[in-house]
């Protein structure tokens, strides 16, 4: 669902130094409310205010739900 909303499954971005995860999501024009996702950087869940550094691998995962 996330990949189809963005139009790609994987993409590299050139970011300015000090870019946060929240800013990356804005650059990506992320189509889902950010409260509904978890972001992993290099295999560790991070807060959206975390600063990204060169060569970080960012995974965006939907938060599970159910009923």
Protein backbone atom coordinates (compact mmCIF):
# COMPACT_ATOMS: atom_id res chain seq x y z
CA UNK A 1 0.00 0.00 0.00
CA UNK A 2 2.75 2.47 0.88
CA UNK A 3 4.82 1.67 -2.22
CA UNK A 4 1.82 1.97 -4.53
CA UNK A 5 0.88 5.33 -2.97
CA UNK A 6 4.39 6.67 -3.55
CA UNK A 7 4.87 5.10 -6.97
CA UNK A 8 8.09 3.27 -6.02
CA UNK A 9 9.37 0.60 -3.61
CA UNK A 10 12.91 1.87 -3.25
CA UNK A 11 14.52 5.23 -3.91
CA UNK A 12 17.68 7.11 -3.00
CA UNK A 13 17.52 10.73 -1.88
CA UNK A 14 20.23 13.38 -1.66
CA UNK A 15 19.50 15.21 1.59
CA UNK A 16 21.10 18.26 3.15
CA UNK A 17 23.04 17.73 6.36
CA UNK A 18 20.79 17.72 9.41
CA UNK A 19 17.64 16.48 7.63
CA UNK A 20 15.20 14.78 10.01
CA UNK A 21 12.98 11.80 9.29
CA UNK A 22 9.96 14.13 9.43
CA UNK A 23 11.54 16.36 6.76
CA UNK A 24 12.30 13.32 4.59
CA UNK A 25 8.63 12.28 4.76
CA UNK A 26 7.66 15.82 3.66
CA UNK A 27 10.17 15.69 0.76
CA UNK A 28 8.68 12.33 -0.27
CA UNK A 29 5.15 13.82 -0.17
CA UNK A 30 4.25 10.83 1.98
CA UNK A 31 0.59 9.86 1.27
CA UNK A 32 -0.28 8.44 4.71
CA UNK A 33 -0.64 10.21 8.06
CA UNK A 34 2.73 9.90 9.76
CA UNK A 35 1.02 8.80 12.98
CA UNK A 36 0.16 5.55 11.17
CA UNK A 37 3.75 4.56 10.39
CA UNK A 38 6.92 3.48 12.16
CA UNK A 39 10.30 4.44 10.72
CA UNK A 40 13.35 2.21 11.02
CA UNK A 41 16.84 3.59 10.36
CA UNK A 42 19.58 1.00 9.90
CA UNK A 43 17.41 -1.64 11.57
CA UNK A 44 16.37 0.41 14.62
CA UNK A 45 13.04 2.14 15.17
CA UNK A 46 13.59 5.91 15.39
CA UNK A 47 11.58 8.96 16.36
CA UNK A 48 10.58 11.17 13.45
CA UNK A 49 12.68 14.00 14.90
CA UNK A 50 15.85 11.90 14.47
CA UNK A 51 18.51 13.36 12.19
CA UNK A 52 19.61 11.27 9.21
CA UNK A 53 23.25 10.87 8.22
CA UNK A 54 24.95 9.82 5.01
CA UNK A 55 24.20 6.23 3.90
CA UNK A 56 21.34 5.66 6.40
CA UNK A 57 18.87 3.02 5.22
CA UNK A 58 15.32 4.11 6.04
CA UNK A 59 12.40 1.70 6.09
CA UNK A 60 8.84 2.97 6.45
CA UNK A 61 6.44 0.46 7.96
CA UNK A 62 2.69 0.70 8.53
CA UNK A 63 1.55 0.40 12.12
CA UNK A 64 -0.51 -2.77 12.53
CA UNK A 65 -4.12 -2.51 13.46
CA UNK A 66 -7.03 -4.76 13.78
CA UNK A 67 -10.46 -5.24 14.99
